[in-house]
Protein backbone atom coordinates (compact mmCIF):
# COMPACT_ATOMS: atom_id res chain seq x y z
CA MET A 1 -133.26 97.71 88.12
CA LYS A 2 -133.37 100.25 90.93
CA ASN A 3 -129.59 100.28 91.46
CA LYS A 4 -128.87 101.40 87.89
CA HIS A 5 -128.31 105.12 87.42
CA LEU A 6 -126.38 105.32 84.16
CA PHE A 7 -127.68 103.85 80.90
CA ILE A 8 -125.08 103.56 78.15
CA GLY A 9 -126.19 102.84 74.60
CA ILE A 10 -123.49 101.68 72.18
CA ASP A 11 -123.55 101.52 68.39
CA ILE A 12 -120.67 99.40 67.07
CA SER A 13 -119.01 99.41 63.67
CA LYS A 14 -115.88 97.65 62.45
CA LEU A 15 -113.32 100.22 63.59
CA THR A 16 -115.17 102.51 66.01
CA PHE A 17 -118.16 102.67 68.31
CA ASP A 18 -120.42 105.46 69.54
CA ALA A 19 -121.47 105.65 73.19
CA ALA A 20 -124.41 107.67 74.53
CA VAL A 21 -125.05 108.07 78.27
CA ILE A 22 -128.34 108.86 79.99
CA GLU A 23 -128.49 109.54 83.71
CA LEU A 24 -131.49 108.44 85.77
CA ASP A 25 -134.18 111.15 85.79
CA ALA A 26 -132.28 113.17 83.17
CA ILE A 27 -133.35 111.56 79.90
CA ALA A 28 -133.25 114.87 78.01
CA ASN A 29 -129.54 115.26 78.70
CA ILE A 30 -127.63 112.71 76.62
CA GLN A 31 -123.83 112.77 76.45
CA HIS A 32 -122.11 111.25 73.43
CA ASN A 33 -118.60 110.27 72.39
CA THR A 34 -116.82 108.08 69.82
CA PHE A 35 -114.03 105.58 70.50
CA SER A 36 -111.90 102.96 68.74
CA ASN A 37 -113.38 99.46 68.69
CA ASN A 38 -110.55 97.87 70.70
CA LYS A 39 -109.40 97.45 74.31
CA LYS A 40 -107.86 100.91 74.40
CA GLY A 41 -111.11 102.45 73.19
CA PHE A 42 -113.14 100.48 75.75
CA ALA A 43 -110.87 101.66 78.57
CA GLU A 44 -111.12 105.25 77.32
CA MET A 45 -114.91 104.95 77.35
CA LEU A 46 -114.89 103.91 81.02
CA LYS A 47 -112.64 106.85 81.90
CA TRP A 48 -114.90 109.22 79.97
CA ILE A 49 -118.03 107.99 81.74
CA ALA A 50 -116.31 108.27 85.11
CA SER A 51 -115.18 111.81 84.28
CA ILE A 52 -118.73 113.05 83.64
CA HIS A 53 -120.56 110.87 86.18
CA GLY A 54 -117.91 110.16 88.80
CA ARG A 55 -120.37 109.96 91.68
CA TYR A 56 -121.75 106.67 90.38
CA LYS A 57 -119.90 103.39 90.86
CA GLN A 58 -119.57 100.98 87.95
CA GLU A 59 -122.11 98.69 89.61
CA ASN A 60 -124.64 101.47 88.92
CA TRP A 61 -123.90 101.42 85.18
CA VAL A 62 -125.55 99.26 82.53
CA PHE A 63 -124.61 99.00 78.85
CA CYS A 64 -126.60 97.92 75.83
CA PHE A 65 -125.70 97.24 72.20
CA GLU A 66 -127.19 95.48 69.22
CA GLN A 67 -126.37 91.95 68.11
CA THR A 68 -123.78 92.79 65.47
CA GLY A 69 -121.82 89.53 65.51
CA VAL A 70 -118.07 89.85 65.07
CA TYR A 71 -118.02 93.63 65.57
CA ALA A 72 -119.25 93.15 69.15
CA PHE A 73 -117.18 90.24 70.45
CA HIS A 74 -114.28 92.34 71.75
CA LEU A 75 -116.67 94.51 73.74
CA CYS A 76 -118.48 91.46 75.14
CA CYS A 77 -115.19 90.04 76.42
CA PHE A 78 -114.10 93.39 77.86
CA LEU A 79 -117.35 93.90 79.77
CA GLU A 80 -117.30 90.31 81.03
CA ASP A 81 -113.68 90.62 82.19
CA ASN A 82 -114.50 93.84 84.07
CA GLY A 83 -117.69 92.55 85.68
CA LEU A 84 -119.88 95.17 83.99
CA ASP A 85 -123.59 94.56 83.37
CA TYR A 86 -124.81 94.71 79.79
CA CYS A 87 -127.69 93.78 77.51
CA TYR A 88 -127.15 92.31 74.05
CA GLU A 89 -130.33 92.89 72.07
CA SER A 90 -131.59 92.48 68.52
CA ALA A 91 -131.88 95.70 66.52
CA LEU A 92 -135.49 94.82 65.68
CA LYS A 93 -136.44 94.51 69.35
CA ILE A 94 -134.90 97.88 70.17
CA HIS A 95 -136.47 99.82 67.33
CA ARG A 96 -139.86 98.16 67.74
CA SER A 97 -139.85 99.09 71.40
CA LEU A 98 -139.05 102.70 70.60
CA GLY A 99 -141.40 102.79 67.63
CA THR A 100 -138.66 104.33 65.49
CA ILE A 101 -138.45 104.20 61.70
CA LYS A 102 -134.97 104.82 60.34
CA ARG A 103 -134.73 107.12 57.35
CA LEU A 104 -131.28 108.60 57.84
CA LYS A 105 -128.82 106.36 59.67
CA SER A 106 -126.33 107.92 62.07
CA ASP A 107 -124.07 106.09 64.51
CA LYS A 108 -124.57 108.88 67.06
CA ALA A 109 -128.35 108.76 66.67
CA ASP A 110 -128.36 104.96 66.93
CA SER A 111 -126.33 104.99 70.16
CA CYS A 112 -128.78 107.57 71.60
CA ASP A 113 -131.74 105.38 70.58
CA ILE A 114 -130.16 102.37 72.29
CA ALA A 115 -129.58 104.41 75.47
CA ARG A 116 -133.23 105.53 75.39
CA TYR A 117 -134.33 101.92 74.96
CA LEU A 118 -132.20 100.90 77.93
CA TYR A 119 -133.65 103.70 80.04
CA GLN A 120 -137.20 102.85 78.98
CA LYS A 121 -136.74 99.17 79.90
CA ARG A 122 -134.75 99.81 83.08
CA GLU A 123 -137.21 97.93 85.33
CA GLU A 124 -137.23 94.78 83.21
CA LEU A 125 -133.70 94.32 81.92
CA ASP A 126 -132.18 90.89 81.32
CA PHE A 127 -128.42 91.10 81.57
CA TYR A 128 -126.38 89.08 79.12
CA LYS A 129 -123.88 86.69 80.62
CA MET A 130 -121.68 84.09 78.97
CA PRO A 131 -120.41 81.04 80.88
CA SER A 132 -116.66 81.12 81.57
CA ARG A 133 -116.08 78.26 79.12
CA ALA A 134 -117.76 80.21 76.33
CA ILE A 135 -115.63 83.25 77.14
CA GLN A 136 -112.45 81.17 76.87
CA GLN A 137 -113.62 79.71 73.55
CA LEU A 138 -114.42 83.20 72.31
CA LYS A 139 -110.97 84.50 73.24
CA ILE A 140 -109.26 81.60 71.46
CA LEU A 141 -111.32 82.22 68.33
CA ILE A 142 -110.60 85.95 68.48
CA SER A 143 -106.88 85.24 68.72
CA MET A 144 -107.03 82.84 65.77
CA ARG A 145 -108.98 85.32 63.68
CA ARG A 146 -106.51 88.10 64.49
CA ARG A 147 -103.56 85.97 63.38
CA MET A 148 -105.26 84.95 60.14
CA VAL A 149 -106.24 88.53 59.32
CA LYS A 150 -102.64 89.55 59.93
CA GLN A 151 -101.38 86.75 57.66
CA LYS A 152 -103.80 87.81 54.95
CA GLN A 153 -102.67 91.42 55.17
CA GLY A 154 -99.01 90.39 55.06
CA MET A 155 -99.57 88.12 52.08
CA THR A 156 -101.48 90.82 50.22
CA ILE A 157 -98.77 93.43 50.78
CA SER A 158 -95.76 91.18 50.08
CA SER A 159 -97.25 89.62 46.93
CA GLY A 160 -98.12 93.06 45.64
CA GLU A 161 -94.54 94.25 46.15
CA ILE A 162 -93.10 91.15 44.43
CA VAL A 163 -95.46 91.47 41.47
CA ALA A 164 -94.57 95.13 41.05
CA PHE A 165 -90.85 94.38 40.71
CA SER A 166 -90.87 91.02 38.91
CA ASP A 167 -90.94 89.91 35.30
CA LYS A 168 -94.31 89.00 33.80
CA GLU A 169 -93.98 85.22 34.24
CA THR A 170 -92.82 85.41 37.86
CA ALA A 171 -95.46 88.02 38.68
CA LYS A 172 -98.19 85.75 37.30
CA LEU A 173 -96.93 82.79 39.34
CA VAL A 174 -96.75 84.83 42.55
CA LYS A 175 -100.17 86.37 41.95
CA ILE A 176 -101.88 83.02 41.40
CA GLY A 177 -100.17 81.44 44.42
CA SER A 178 -100.91 84.33 46.76
CA GLN A 179 -104.54 84.58 45.64
CA SER A 180 -105.01 80.88 46.41
CA ILE A 181 -103.60 81.34 49.93
CA ILE A 182 -105.66 84.50 50.52
CA LEU A 183 -108.81 82.67 49.41
CA GLN A 184 -108.15 79.86 51.89
CA LEU A 185 -107.52 82.38 54.67
CA ASP A 186 -110.79 84.14 53.81
CA LYS A 187 -112.66 80.84 54.10
CA GLN A 188 -111.08 80.10 57.48
CA ILE A 189 -111.80 83.61 58.74
CA ASP A 190 -115.45 83.22 57.66
CA LYS A 191 -115.70 79.92 59.56
CA ILE A 192 -114.21 81.44 62.70
CA GLU A 193 -116.55 84.44 62.50
CA ALA A 194 -119.54 82.11 62.09
CA GLU A 195 -118.48 80.20 65.21
CA ILE A 196 -118.03 83.45 67.14
CA GLU A 197 -121.53 84.59 66.16
CA LYS A 198 -122.90 81.19 67.19
CA LEU A 199 -121.32 81.50 70.63
CA LEU A 200 -122.72 84.99 71.09
CA ARG A 201 -126.22 83.95 70.01
CA VAL A 202 -126.42 80.77 72.09
CA HIS A 203 -125.27 82.38 75.31
């Protein structure tokens, strides 16, 4: 990919992600930063990259991250919405290509490894692209999951408060009822996450 000059490796966890940037012909100089795993964090990452490599347009950037299922779906949607090129690879493929054996895991180190992989494979990259219909399905599922997680959190907090200030019999009734609802929400959240991962794998 001769028009790519910045290679951004990303290691994603539930709440944050690490980004490492390699510039073409400067593989020894890797810049790193950590951001929140949400839209605000993604936007901050773009601003950070532009601040250190402002001479390159976004069409000269390429991102790569491992197939981490639900942790990655927000980033997939963000990159798709902003027309940014990215690769979505299996962890095994990346580490086999680099010949690395992990003894001590570090999010920073992993993001640097992914950036090195991206740089190494720069002439043979296959960009990941989801059809528009899949993107819309993904966004609907994300919204549903967010609402259910919020409901679960609200139920957990409110039932805990009621139990703390109720008599023994009432507390038991509330605890059993809330646990049943939370269990059902957990099952629905699991189903949604499985469907999200299926969409990401297929496309």
